[in-house]
């Protein structure tokens, strides 16, 4: 780690890698060519080996040797087991020391020659986060089709209008990555989390290449996970401090349907009599009970949030009073 500010890197490039041994030497050479061409003299490349089972670990150790790193510092972080892209990014964000941070994938589909464009957009447009838009995208049609639907649904439900939410090629100001806390598969929603935290998010088209080595790590099994994570992000960004709004709405809707069914059965009982044997009666009672339970969960959530907020205010008030100098109790002049 550098000890003096003037020796700190100008640029940190964070690259998670999982079973990408063939791609890594080519990628580092491409990055170094960009650094040399655009005079980024002080830069660091942080590779995170996410528990790879191929030769990725040994390749990265070789690439981090001094004779391979003349144009930049190369740091390698090894995970003992695969922990996922979010954990890898968090490790890279923690290790990054520059004011500008670039993230990109290790599969050679992201083009390092686009790094200056990302940085220029970040600085010239006064953004805090610039997300890449892979255009034209060089992935199989089924992956592009799902991505199209996913991006439209995400933009509609969150209000963050990006064409390529899950693009791993991004530029950040350092304060953004130091504040972010991502886990699971929430890395695909970084622009939303940054926007909710008050940062300005932009987008720029970047060149995209077909995969040259290995296979994609993202299959159809991730589709339901993606939408579940979308619900998580919506709750974290919109309803974390007002849980009654979401649980109360669900509870009211379910209970209302149950009441409508009950009213229908009441009319039926008056007209024909004998509704006790109908399954709709049990459904009506069940839905009303579920509605009340949902409402109760939301109410309990509101009580917990209120209690936490009150405790936080007390702690803040106590700290403030401890740091406020006491007033003099001397006798006033007459």
Foldseek 3Di string as FASTA:
>chain_A
DDDDPVLAFQEEEAEEDAQQLVQQVVVLVQLLVLCVVVVRQEYEYEYEYQQHPDCNVVSLVVCQDPVNANRYHYHYHYDNHHFDDQVSLLVSLVPHGHQKYWYAYRQPFFRSNCVVVQVCCCPVVVFFKEAEDAPPEDDDPVVVVLQQVLLVVLCVLQVDNDRGLQHRTMMGGSVLSVPDRDHDPCSSRSVSVSVLVPGGYHYDYGYGDDGDDDDDPDDPVCSVVSVVVSVVSCCVRPPQQQLLVVLLVVLVVLLVVLVVLVVVVVVVCVVPNDPPVPVSPVSSVVSNVSSVVSNVVRVVSNVVSVVVVVVVVVVVVVVVVVPDDDDDPDDDDD
